[in-house]
Amino acid sequence: MNLTVDALGDKCPVPVVKAKKALATIDEGTLEMLVDNETSVKNLTSFAQSQKCEVSSEQIGEEKYSVKIVKTELSAADAPVADGAGIGPRVVVIPASVMGHGDDELGAVLVKAFVFALTQQDDLPDCILFYNGGVKLTCEGSPVLEDLNKLACAGVEIFSCGTCLKHYGIEDKLAVGEVTNMYVIVEKQLQAGVVVRM
């Protein structure tokens, strides 16, 4: 089976998310991904290799690339299987409303992509801890509120530091999850099998 997916204009991590979903619909065949930048080409190539698929790419126009991912019976059998059994809770820590240091505008784009990417994982985190400036993301007007609500509806616990909400004067603006304290924030991390810090 051959399938083509248009990811032109899509920002990271959307092309990889689309590729993952499309690849899951075919047993064998070629998935062609159309993208408009070299970063997406590299990301798709890495994704394909992680799935044990053959991959090739070519530029087919100005700012237009074709990435072909070939899935065979062998690659489907060898692809890694997500299995979180026995590793303990997965905890994600988000201490700021932007991701990384440097340009806050870029950091805001990155944090939005990060939270969206969380919603696309086969194994969702068990809980997400927000403190300091990160609590702004759980409040009214947050650019990631829709994705956080999806995670909450899927059973992910979302905790925001009460001291931090009070410090920023937004304790009455909390829109998803519940208020917690530093004892619980520490306890959740100590009990975790995996801690991912943004």
N, C-alpha and C. Protein backbone atom coordinates (compact mmCIF):
# COMPACT_ATOMS: atom_id res chain seq x y z
N MET A 1 0.84 -1.19 0.00
CA MET A 1 0.00 0.00 0.00
C MET A 1 0.88 1.24 0.00
N ASN A 2 0.52 2.22 -0.82
CA ASN A 2 1.24 3.48 -0.86
C ASN A 2 0.33 4.60 -0.38
N LEU A 3 0.91 5.50 0.39
CA LEU A 3 0.13 6.57 1.01
C LEU A 3 0.94 7.85 0.98
N THR A 4 0.28 8.97 0.65
CA THR A 4 0.95 10.27 0.66
C THR A 4 0.26 11.17 1.67
N VAL A 5 1.06 11.83 2.50
CA VAL A 5 0.53 12.75 3.52
C VAL A 5 1.14 14.12 3.31
N ASP A 6 0.29 15.12 3.20
CA ASP A 6 0.72 16.50 3.01
C ASP A 6 0.96 17.14 4.37
N ALA A 7 2.22 17.43 4.67
CA ALA A 7 2.56 18.13 5.91
C ALA A 7 3.21 19.47 5.59
N LEU A 8 2.94 19.99 4.41
CA LEU A 8 3.49 21.28 4.01
C LEU A 8 2.93 22.37 4.92
N GLY A 9 3.81 23.20 5.44
CA GLY A 9 3.37 24.27 6.33
C GLY A 9 3.21 23.86 7.78
N ASP A 10 3.33 22.57 8.06
CA ASP A 10 3.18 22.10 9.44
C ASP A 10 4.47 22.33 10.22
N LYS A 11 4.31 22.78 11.47
CA LYS A 11 5.46 23.02 12.33
C LYS A 11 5.75 21.79 13.18
N CYS A 12 7.00 21.67 13.60
CA CYS A 12 7.43 20.60 14.50
C CYS A 12 6.54 20.61 15.74
N PRO A 13 6.06 19.46 16.22
CA PRO A 13 6.37 18.10 15.79
C PRO A 13 5.29 17.48 14.89
N VAL A 14 4.44 18.31 14.28
CA VAL A 14 3.27 17.81 13.54
C VAL A 14 3.64 16.84 12.41
N PRO A 15 4.67 17.10 11.58
CA PRO A 15 4.99 16.13 10.52
C PRO A 15 5.29 14.72 11.06
N VAL A 16 6.02 14.64 12.16
CA VAL A 16 6.33 13.33 12.73
C VAL A 16 5.07 12.68 13.30
N VAL A 17 4.23 13.48 13.93
CA VAL A 17 2.97 12.95 14.47
C VAL A 17 2.11 12.39 13.34
N LYS A 18 2.03 13.14 12.24
CA LYS A 18 1.25 12.67 11.08
C LYS A 18 1.85 11.39 10.51
N ALA A 19 3.17 11.34 10.44
CA ALA A 19 3.84 10.14 9.91
C ALA A 19 3.57 8.94 10.79
N LYS A 20 3.65 9.13 12.09
CA LYS A 20 3.41 8.04 13.03
C LYS A 20 2.00 7.48 12.87
N LYS A 21 1.02 8.38 12.78
CA LYS A 21 -0.38 7.95 12.64
C LYS A 21 -0.59 7.24 11.30
N ALA A 22 -0.01 7.80 10.23
CA ALA A 22 -0.19 7.20 8.90
C ALA A 22 0.48 5.84 8.82
N LEU A 23 1.67 5.73 9.39
CA LEU A 23 2.42 4.47 9.35
C LEU A 23 1.66 3.36 10.09
N ALA A 24 0.92 3.75 11.12
CA ALA A 24 0.16 2.76 11.90
C ALA A 24 -1.01 2.19 11.10
N THR A 25 -1.40 2.86 10.01
CA THR A 25 -2.56 2.39 9.23
C THR A 25 -2.17 1.40 8.13
N ILE A 26 -0.87 1.23 7.90
CA ILE A 26 -0.45 0.30 6.84
C ILE A 26 0.41 -0.82 7.41
N ASP A 27 0.22 -2.03 6.87
CA ASP A 27 1.04 -3.17 7.29
C ASP A 27 2.37 -3.18 6.55
N GLU A 28 2.27 -2.91 5.24
CA GLU A 28 3.46 -2.82 4.39
C GLU A 28 3.20 -1.76 3.34
N GLY A 29 4.27 -1.14 2.86
CA GLY A 29 4.11 -0.17 1.79
C GLY A 29 4.97 1.05 2.01
N THR A 30 4.73 2.07 1.18
CA THR A 30 5.52 3.29 1.23
C THR A 30 4.65 4.47 1.65
N LEU A 31 5.13 5.15 2.65
CA LEU A 31 4.49 6.39 3.10
C LEU A 31 5.34 7.54 2.59
N GLU A 32 4.72 8.41 1.80
CA GLU A 32 5.43 9.60 1.32
C GLU A 32 4.94 10.80 2.11
N MET A 33 5.87 11.47 2.76
CA MET A 33 5.57 12.69 3.51
C MET A 33 6.06 13.90 2.73
N LEU A 34 5.19 14.87 2.51
CA LEU A 34 5.56 16.11 1.84
C LEU A 34 5.75 17.19 2.88
N VAL A 35 6.94 17.77 2.92
CA VAL A 35 7.26 18.82 3.90
C VAL A 35 7.97 19.97 3.21
N ASP A 36 8.12 21.09 3.94
CA ASP A 36 8.66 22.28 3.29
C ASP A 36 9.96 22.79 3.91
N ASN A 37 10.62 21.94 4.73
CA ASN A 37 11.89 22.40 5.30
C ASN A 37 12.79 21.21 5.64
N GLU A 38 14.09 21.48 5.69
CA GLU A 38 15.07 20.42 5.92
C GLU A 38 15.01 19.86 7.34
N THR A 39 14.58 20.68 8.30
CA THR A 39 14.47 20.19 9.67
C THR A 39 13.44 19.06 9.74
N SER A 40 12.31 19.25 9.06
CA SER A 40 11.29 18.20 9.03
C SER A 40 11.82 16.94 8.34
N VAL A 41 12.62 17.13 7.30
CA VAL A 41 13.23 15.99 6.61
C VAL A 41 14.08 15.19 7.60
N LYS A 42 14.91 15.89 8.37
CA LYS A 42 15.79 15.23 9.34
C LYS A 42 14.98 14.54 10.44
N ASN A 43 13.93 15.23 10.93
CA ASN A 43 13.11 14.64 11.98
C ASN A 43 12.39 13.38 11.49
N LEU A 44 11.87 13.43 10.27
CA LEU A 44 11.18 12.27 9.71
C LEU A 44 12.15 11.12 9.45
N THR A 45 13.36 11.46 9.02
CA THR A 45 14.38 10.43 8.79
C THR A 45 14.73 9.72 10.09
N SER A 46 14.92 10.50 11.15
CA SER A 46 15.22 9.90 12.46
C SER A 46 14.07 9.04 12.95
N PHE A 47 12.84 9.55 12.76
CA PHE A 47 11.66 8.77 13.18
C PHE A 47 11.61 7.45 12.43
N ALA A 48 11.78 7.50 11.09
CA ALA A 48 11.72 6.28 10.27
C ALA A 48 12.78 5.27 10.72
N GLN A 49 13.96 5.75 10.99
CA GLN A 49 15.04 4.86 11.43
C GLN A 49 14.71 4.23 12.78
N SER A 50 14.06 5.00 13.66
CA SER A 50 13.68 4.46 14.97
C SER A 50 12.62 3.37 14.83
N GLN A 51 11.88 3.41 13.73
CA GLN A 51 10.85 2.40 13.47
C GLN A 51 11.38 1.25 12.61
N LYS A 52 12.69 1.25 12.36
CA LYS A 52 13.34 0.21 11.56
C LYS A 52 12.82 0.17 10.12
N CYS A 53 12.47 1.34 9.60
CA CYS A 53 11.98 1.45 8.22
C CYS A 53 13.09 2.00 7.33
N GLU A 54 13.01 1.65 6.05
CA GLU A 54 13.90 2.26 5.07
C GLU A 54 13.39 3.67 4.82
N VAL A 55 14.31 4.60 4.56
CA VAL A 55 13.88 5.98 4.35
C VAL A 55 14.79 6.66 3.33
N SER A 56 14.19 7.48 2.49
CA SER A 56 14.94 8.28 1.52
C SER A 56 14.23 9.62 1.38
N SER A 57 14.97 10.62 0.93
CA SER A 57 14.37 11.94 0.76
C SER A 57 14.96 12.64 -0.45
N GLU A 58 14.17 13.55 -1.00
CA GLU A 58 14.66 14.37 -2.11
C GLU A 58 13.91 15.69 -2.14
N GLN A 59 14.59 16.71 -2.65
CA GLN A 59 13.93 18.00 -2.84
C GLN A 59 13.22 17.95 -4.18
N ILE A 60 11.92 18.24 -4.16
CA ILE A 60 11.13 18.12 -5.40
C ILE A 60 10.62 19.47 -5.88
N GLY A 61 11.00 20.53 -5.20
CA GLY A 61 10.60 21.87 -5.62
C GLY A 61 11.19 22.88 -4.67
N GLU A 62 10.91 24.15 -4.92
CA GLU A 62 11.40 25.19 -4.03
C GLU A 62 10.66 25.06 -2.70
N GLU A 63 11.40 24.81 -1.63
CA GLU A 63 10.82 24.59 -0.30
C GLU A 63 9.79 23.46 -0.31
N LYS A 64 10.10 22.39 -1.02
CA LYS A 64 9.22 21.22 -1.03
C LYS A 64 10.09 19.97 -1.09
N TYR A 65 9.87 19.09 -0.11
CA TYR A 65 10.66 17.88 -0.01
C TYR A 65 9.74 16.67 0.10
N SER A 66 10.22 15.56 -0.43
CA SER A 66 9.52 14.28 -0.31
C SER A 66 10.37 13.35 0.53
N VAL A 67 9.76 12.82 1.59
CA VAL A 67 10.43 11.84 2.43
C VAL A 67 9.64 10.54 2.29
N LYS A 68 10.29 9.50 1.78
CA LYS A 68 9.63 8.21 1.58
C LYS A 68 10.07 7.23 2.65
N ILE A 69 9.08 6.72 3.37
CA ILE A 69 9.31 5.77 4.46
C ILE A 69 8.72 4.43 4.03
N VAL A 70 9.58 3.42 3.93
CA VAL A 70 9.13 2.11 3.46
C VAL A 70 8.99 1.16 4.65
N LYS A 71 7.76 0.72 4.86
CA LYS A 71 7.46 -0.22 5.94
C LYS A 71 7.30 -1.62 5.37
N THR A 72 8.06 -2.54 5.92
CA THR A 72 7.98 -3.94 5.47
C THR A 72 7.53 -4.80 6.64
N GLU A 73 7.27 -6.07 6.37
CA GLU A 73 6.91 -7.00 7.45
C GLU A 73 8.00 -7.04 8.51
N LEU A 74 9.25 -6.99 8.04
CA LEU A 74 10.39 -7.06 8.94
C LEU A 74 10.46 -5.82 9.83
N SER A 75 10.28 -4.63 9.22
CA SER A 75 10.36 -3.41 10.02
C SER A 75 9.21 -3.33 11.01
N ALA A 76 8.02 -3.80 10.60
CA ALA A 76 6.87 -3.78 11.51
C ALA A 76 7.13 -4.69 12.71
N ALA A 77 7.78 -5.84 12.46
CA ALA A 77 8.07 -6.78 13.54
C ALA A 77 9.15 -6.27 14.47
N ASP A 78 10.10 -5.50 13.91
CA ASP A 78 11.24 -5.03 14.70
C ASP A 78 11.00 -3.69 15.38
N ALA A 79 9.90 -3.01 15.01
CA ALA A 79 9.67 -1.66 15.56
C ALA A 79 9.53 -1.73 17.07
N PRO A 80 10.07 -0.72 17.77
CA PRO A 80 9.99 -0.74 19.23
C PRO A 80 8.54 -0.67 19.69
N VAL A 81 8.24 -1.42 20.72
CA VAL A 81 6.89 -1.42 21.27
C VAL A 81 6.90 -0.64 22.57
N ALA A 82 5.99 0.33 22.65
CA ALA A 82 5.91 1.11 23.88
C ALA A 82 5.35 0.24 24.99
N ASP A 83 6.09 0.13 26.07
CA ASP A 83 5.63 -0.68 27.18
C ASP A 83 6.14 -0.05 28.46
N GLY A 84 5.23 0.57 29.17
CA GLY A 84 5.63 1.25 30.39
C GLY A 84 5.50 0.40 31.62
N ALA A 85 5.16 -0.88 31.46
CA ALA A 85 4.92 -1.73 32.61
C ALA A 85 6.16 -1.86 33.47
N GLY A 86 5.99 -1.66 34.76
CA GLY A 86 7.05 -1.94 35.72
C GLY A 86 8.09 -0.86 35.92
N ILE A 87 7.98 0.27 35.23
CA ILE A 87 9.02 1.29 35.41
C ILE A 87 8.62 2.35 36.42
N GLY A 88 7.40 2.32 36.89
CA GLY A 88 6.94 3.33 37.84
C GLY A 88 6.31 4.50 37.12
N PRO A 89 5.71 5.41 37.88
CA PRO A 89 4.99 6.54 37.26
C PRO A 89 5.91 7.42 36.41
N ARG A 90 5.32 7.96 35.36
CA ARG A 90 6.02 8.93 34.51
C ARG A 90 5.60 10.33 34.94
N VAL A 91 6.56 11.14 35.29
CA VAL A 91 6.27 12.49 35.78
C VAL A 91 6.96 13.50 34.86
N VAL A 92 6.20 14.50 34.43
CA VAL A 92 6.75 15.59 33.63
C VAL A 92 6.75 16.84 34.50
N VAL A 93 7.86 17.56 34.51
CA VAL A 93 8.01 18.77 35.32
C VAL A 93 8.14 19.98 34.39
N ILE A 94 7.25 20.95 34.60
CA ILE A 94 7.27 22.16 33.77
C ILE A 94 7.39 23.37 34.70
N PRO A 95 8.62 23.94 34.82
CA PRO A 95 8.85 25.02 35.77
C PRO A 95 8.77 26.43 35.18
N ALA A 96 8.41 26.54 33.90
CA ALA A 96 8.38 27.87 33.28
C ALA A 96 7.32 27.90 32.18
N SER A 97 6.92 29.10 31.82
CA SER A 97 5.91 29.24 30.76
C SER A 97 6.55 29.27 29.37
N VAL A 98 7.87 29.25 29.34
CA VAL A 98 8.61 29.14 28.08
C VAL A 98 9.63 28.02 28.22
N MET A 99 10.08 27.50 27.10
CA MET A 99 11.02 26.37 27.14
C MET A 99 12.42 26.85 26.75
N GLY A 100 13.38 26.55 27.60
CA GLY A 100 14.76 26.91 27.30
C GLY A 100 15.09 28.34 27.68
N HIS A 101 16.31 28.72 27.41
CA HIS A 101 16.80 30.06 27.74
C HIS A 101 17.22 30.78 26.46
N GLY A 102 17.01 32.06 26.44
CA GLY A 102 17.41 32.85 25.27
C GLY A 102 16.27 33.72 24.80
N ASP A 103 15.57 33.27 23.79
CA ASP A 103 14.48 34.04 23.19
C ASP A 103 13.14 33.54 23.73
N ASP A 104 12.43 34.40 24.48
CA ASP A 104 11.16 33.98 25.09
C ASP A 104 10.08 33.72 24.05
N GLU A 105 10.13 34.42 22.93
CA GLU A 105 9.14 34.19 21.87
C GLU A 105 9.32 32.77 21.31
N LEU A 106 10.56 32.40 21.07
CA LEU A 106 10.85 31.03 20.63
C LEU A 106 10.48 30.04 21.73
N GLY A 107 10.79 30.38 22.97
CA GLY A 107 10.49 29.51 24.10
C GLY A 107 9.00 29.23 24.23
N ALA A 108 8.16 30.22 23.91
CA ALA A 108 6.70 30.04 23.96
C ALA A 108 6.25 29.07 22.87
N VAL A 109 6.87 29.17 21.69
CA VAL A 109 6.55 28.25 20.59
C VAL A 109 6.96 26.83 20.97
N LEU A 110 8.13 26.71 21.58
CA LEU A 110 8.65 25.39 21.96
C LEU A 110 7.80 24.73 23.03
N VAL A 111 7.34 25.50 24.03
CA VAL A 111 6.55 24.89 25.09
C VAL A 111 5.20 24.42 24.55
N LYS A 112 4.66 25.16 23.59
CA LYS A 112 3.40 24.73 22.97
C LYS A 112 3.60 23.42 22.22
N ALA A 113 4.71 23.32 21.48
CA ALA A 113 5.03 22.09 20.75
C ALA A 113 5.29 20.93 21.72
N PHE A 114 5.94 21.23 22.84
CA PHE A 114 6.26 20.20 23.84
C PHE A 114 4.99 19.59 24.42
N VAL A 115 4.04 20.45 24.83
CA VAL A 115 2.80 19.94 25.44
C VAL A 115 1.97 19.20 24.40
N PHE A 116 1.94 19.71 23.16
CA PHE A 116 1.21 18.99 22.10
C PHE A 116 1.84 17.61 21.89
N ALA A 117 3.17 17.55 21.86
CA ALA A 117 3.86 16.28 21.65
C ALA A 117 3.54 15.29 22.78
N LEU A 118 3.33 15.79 24.00
CA LEU A 118 2.94 14.91 25.10
C LEU A 118 1.61 14.21 24.79
N THR A 119 0.68 14.94 24.17
CA THR A 119 -0.64 14.37 23.87
C THR A 119 -0.55 13.27 22.83
N GLN A 120 0.54 13.22 22.08
CA GLN A 120 0.67 12.28 20.96
C GLN A 120 1.44 11.01 21.32
N GLN A 121 1.88 10.91 22.56
CA GLN A 121 2.67 9.75 22.96
C GLN A 121 1.79 8.52 23.16
N ASP A 122 2.33 7.34 22.86
CA ASP A 122 1.61 6.10 23.12
C ASP A 122 1.42 5.90 24.62
N ASP A 123 2.44 6.22 25.40
CA ASP A 123 2.34 6.15 26.85
C ASP A 123 2.34 7.57 27.41
N LEU A 124 1.19 7.99 27.89
CA LEU A 124 1.06 9.34 28.45
C LEU A 124 1.73 9.40 29.82
N PRO A 125 2.13 10.59 30.24
CA PRO A 125 2.67 10.70 31.60
C PRO A 125 1.56 10.42 32.61
N ASP A 126 1.95 10.04 33.82
CA ASP A 126 0.96 9.85 34.89
C ASP A 126 0.58 11.18 35.50
N CYS A 127 1.55 12.08 35.59
CA CYS A 127 1.21 13.41 36.10
C CYS A 127 2.17 14.45 35.54
N ILE A 128 1.70 15.69 35.56
CA ILE A 128 2.52 16.83 35.14
C ILE A 128 2.52 17.82 36.29
N LEU A 129 3.71 18.24 36.68
CA LEU A 129 3.88 19.18 37.79
C LEU A 129 4.27 20.55 37.26
N PHE A 130 3.51 21.57 37.64
CA PHE A 130 3.80 22.94 37.22
C PHE A 130 4.16 23.76 38.45
N TYR A 131 5.28 24.48 38.35
CA TYR A 131 5.62 25.40 39.42
C TYR A 131 6.32 26.62 38.84
N ASN A 132 6.57 27.62 39.70
CA ASN A 132 7.10 28.92 39.28
C ASN A 132 6.29 29.43 38.08
N GLY A 133 6.93 29.94 37.05
CA GLY A 133 6.20 30.49 35.90
C GLY A 133 5.39 29.47 35.13
N GLY A 134 5.69 28.18 35.34
CA GLY A 134 4.96 27.13 34.65
C GLY A 134 3.48 27.12 34.98
N VAL A 135 3.11 27.62 36.19
CA VAL A 135 1.70 27.61 36.58
C VAL A 135 0.83 28.47 35.67
N LYS A 136 1.45 29.42 34.98
CA LYS A 136 0.69 30.28 34.06
C LYS A 136 0.07 29.45 32.93
N LEU A 137 0.67 28.30 32.64
CA LEU A 137 0.19 27.45 31.55
C LEU A 137 -1.10 26.71 31.90
N THR A 138 -1.40 26.60 33.19
CA THR A 138 -2.60 25.89 33.62
C THR A 138 -3.77 26.85 33.87
N CYS A 139 -3.57 28.12 33.59
CA CYS A 139 -4.57 29.13 33.89
C CYS A 139 -5.29 29.64 32.64
N GLU A 140 -6.37 30.36 32.88
CA GLU A 140 -7.16 30.94 31.79
C GLU A 140 -6.25 31.70 30.82
N GLY A 141 -6.51 31.54 29.53
CA GLY A 141 -5.74 32.25 28.51
C GLY A 141 -4.47 31.55 28.09
N SER A 142 -4.16 30.42 28.68
CA SER A 142 -2.94 29.68 28.34
C SER A 142 -3.01 29.15 26.92
N PRO A 143 -1.90 29.26 26.17
CA PRO A 143 -1.88 28.75 24.79
C PRO A 143 -1.88 27.22 24.71
N VAL A 144 -1.69 26.54 25.85
CA VAL A 144 -1.65 25.07 25.83
C VAL A 144 -2.83 24.46 26.59
N LEU A 145 -3.80 25.28 26.93
CA LEU A 145 -4.92 24.83 27.75
C LEU A 145 -5.70 23.69 27.09
N GLU A 146 -5.92 23.79 25.79
CA GLU A 146 -6.67 22.75 25.08
C GLU A 146 -5.96 21.40 25.20
N ASP A 147 -4.65 21.39 24.98
CA ASP A 147 -3.89 20.14 25.07
C ASP A 147 -3.84 19.63 26.51
N LEU A 148 -3.73 20.53 27.48
CA LEU A 148 -3.72 20.09 28.88
C LEU A 148 -5.06 19.48 29.26
N ASN A 149 -6.14 20.04 28.76
CA ASN A 149 -7.46 19.47 29.03
C ASN A 149 -7.60 18.08 28.42
N LYS A 150 -7.03 17.88 27.22
CA LYS A 150 -7.04 16.56 26.59
C LYS A 150 -6.30 15.56 27.47
N LEU A 151 -5.14 15.97 27.98
CA LEU A 151 -4.36 15.10 28.84
C LEU A 151 -5.12 14.78 30.13
N ALA A 152 -5.75 15.80 30.71
CA ALA A 152 -6.52 15.59 31.94
C ALA A 152 -7.67 14.62 31.69
N CYS A 153 -8.35 14.78 30.56
CA CYS A 153 -9.46 13.88 30.21
C CYS A 153 -8.98 12.45 29.99
N ALA A 154 -7.71 12.31 29.61
CA ALA A 154 -7.13 10.97 29.39
C ALA A 154 -6.59 10.37 30.68
N GLY A 155 -6.77 11.07 31.80
CA GLY A 155 -6.37 10.53 33.10
C GLY A 155 -5.05 11.04 33.64
N VAL A 156 -4.42 11.98 32.95
CA VAL A 156 -3.15 12.54 33.44
C VAL A 156 -3.45 13.52 34.57
N GLU A 157 -2.79 13.34 35.71
CA GLU A 157 -2.96 14.27 36.83
C GLU A 157 -2.16 15.53 36.55
N ILE A 158 -2.77 16.67 36.77
CA ILE A 158 -2.12 17.95 36.53
C ILE A 158 -2.14 18.75 37.83
N PHE A 159 -0.94 19.08 38.32
CA PHE A 159 -0.81 19.78 39.59
C PHE A 159 -0.10 21.10 39.41
N SER A 160 -0.64 22.15 40.02
CA SER A 160 0.00 23.47 40.00
C SER A 160 0.32 23.90 41.42
N CYS A 161 1.50 24.40 41.62
CA CYS A 161 1.97 24.86 42.93
C CYS A 161 1.10 26.03 43.42
N GLY A 162 0.48 25.87 44.59
CA GLY A 162 -0.38 26.91 45.15
C GLY A 162 0.38 28.17 45.51
N THR A 163 1.59 28.01 46.06
CA THR A 163 2.40 29.17 46.41
C THR A 163 2.73 30.00 45.16
N CYS A 164 2.98 29.30 44.06
CA CYS A 164 3.34 29.97 42.81
C CYS A 164 2.13 30.70 42.22
N LEU A 165 0.97 30.04 42.25
CA LEU A 165 -0.26 30.69 41.76
C LEU A 165 -0.52 31.97 42.55
N LYS A 166 -0.34 31.89 43.87
CA LYS A 166 -0.56 33.06 44.73
C LYS A 166 0.46 34.15 44.44
N HIS A 167 1.71 33.76 44.25
CA HIS A 167 2.78 34.74 43.97
C HIS A 167 2.45 35.57 42.72
N TYR A 168 1.94 34.90 41.68
CA TYR A 168 1.61 35.60 40.44
C TYR A 168 0.20 36.21 40.46
N GLY A 169 -0.53 36.01 41.56
CA GLY A 169 -1.87 36.59 41.67
C GLY A 169 -2.88 35.97 40.73
N ILE A 170 -2.71 34.67 40.46
CA ILE A 170 -3.60 34.01 39.49
C ILE A 170 -4.26 32.76 40.07
N GLU A 171 -4.33 32.69 41.42
CA GLU A 171 -4.92 31.49 42.01
C GLU A 171 -6.38 31.28 41.62
N ASP A 172 -7.07 32.38 41.28
CA ASP A 172 -8.48 32.26 40.87
C ASP A 172 -8.63 32.02 39.37
N LYS A 173 -7.52 31.92 38.65
CA LYS A 173 -7.55 31.73 37.19
C LYS A 173 -7.25 30.30 36.78
N LEU A 174 -6.98 29.41 37.74
CA LEU A 174 -6.66 28.02 37.41
C LEU A 174 -7.78 27.41 36.58
N ALA A 175 -7.42 26.83 35.43
CA ALA A 175 -8.43 26.32 34.49
C ALA A 175 -8.34 24.82 34.26
N VAL A 176 -7.28 24.19 34.71
CA VAL A 176 -7.15 22.73 34.53
C VAL A 176 -6.31 22.17 35.67
N GLY A 177 -6.68 20.98 36.13
CA GLY A 177 -5.93 20.33 37.19
C GLY A 177 -6.28 20.87 38.57
N GLU A 178 -5.37 20.62 39.50
CA GLU A 178 -5.63 21.03 40.88
C GLU A 178 -4.41 21.68 41.51
N VAL A 179 -4.67 22.38 42.60
CA VAL A 179 -3.62 23.07 43.34
C VAL A 179 -2.91 22.06 44.25
N THR A 180 -1.59 22.19 44.34
CA THR A 180 -0.84 21.30 45.22
C THR A 180 0.22 22.10 45.98
N ASN A 181 1.10 21.40 46.68
CA ASN A 181 2.15 22.07 47.45
C ASN A 181 3.50 21.44 47.15
N MET A 182 4.54 22.03 47.68
CA MET A 182 5.89 21.57 47.37
C MET A 182 6.17 20.16 47.90
N TYR A 183 5.53 19.79 49.00
CA TYR A 183 5.71 18.43 49.52
C TYR A 183 5.28 17.40 48.47
N VAL A 184 4.10 17.61 47.88
CA VAL A 184 3.59 16.68 46.87
C VAL A 184 4.46 16.71 45.62
N ILE A 185 4.93 17.91 45.23
CA ILE A 185 5.79 18.04 44.05
C ILE A 185 7.06 17.22 44.23
N VAL A 186 7.65 17.28 45.43
CA VAL A 186 8.85 16.49 45.71
C VAL A 186 8.51 15.00 45.77
N GLU A 187 7.43 14.66 46.46
CA GLU A 187 7.03 13.27 46.62
C GLU A 187 6.77 12.59 45.27
N LYS A 188 6.07 13.27 44.38
CA LYS A 188 5.76 12.71 43.06
C LYS A 188 7.04 12.39 42.29
N GLN A 189 8.04 13.27 42.40
CA GLN A 189 9.29 13.04 41.68
C GLN A 189 10.10 11.90 42.31
N LEU A 190 10.11 11.83 43.62
CA LEU A 190 10.85 10.76 44.29
C LEU A 190 10.25 9.39 44.03
N GLN A 191 8.94 9.34 43.82
CA GLN A 191 8.27 8.07 43.58
C GLN A 191 8.23 7.68 42.11
N ALA A 192 8.69 8.58 41.25
CA ALA A 192 8.59 8.36 39.80
C ALA A 192 9.60 7.33 39.30
N GLY A 193 9.20 6.61 38.26
CA GLY A 193 10.14 5.75 37.55
C GLY A 193 10.90 6.55 36.52
N VAL A 194 10.22 7.55 35.95
CA VAL A 194 10.82 8.44 34.94
C VAL A 194 10.40 9.86 35.24
N VAL A 195 11.36 10.79 35.27
CA VAL A 195 11.06 12.21 35.42
C VAL A 195 11.60 12.94 34.20
N VAL A 196 10.72 13.64 33.50
CA VAL A 196 11.12 14.43 32.34
C VAL A 196 10.99 15.90 32.72
N ARG A 197 12.10 16.61 32.68
CA ARG A 197 12.07 18.04 33.01
C ARG A 197 12.13 18.86 31.75
N MET A 198 11.17 19.75 31.60
CA MET A 198 11.13 20.57 30.39
C MET A 198 12.21 21.63 30.45
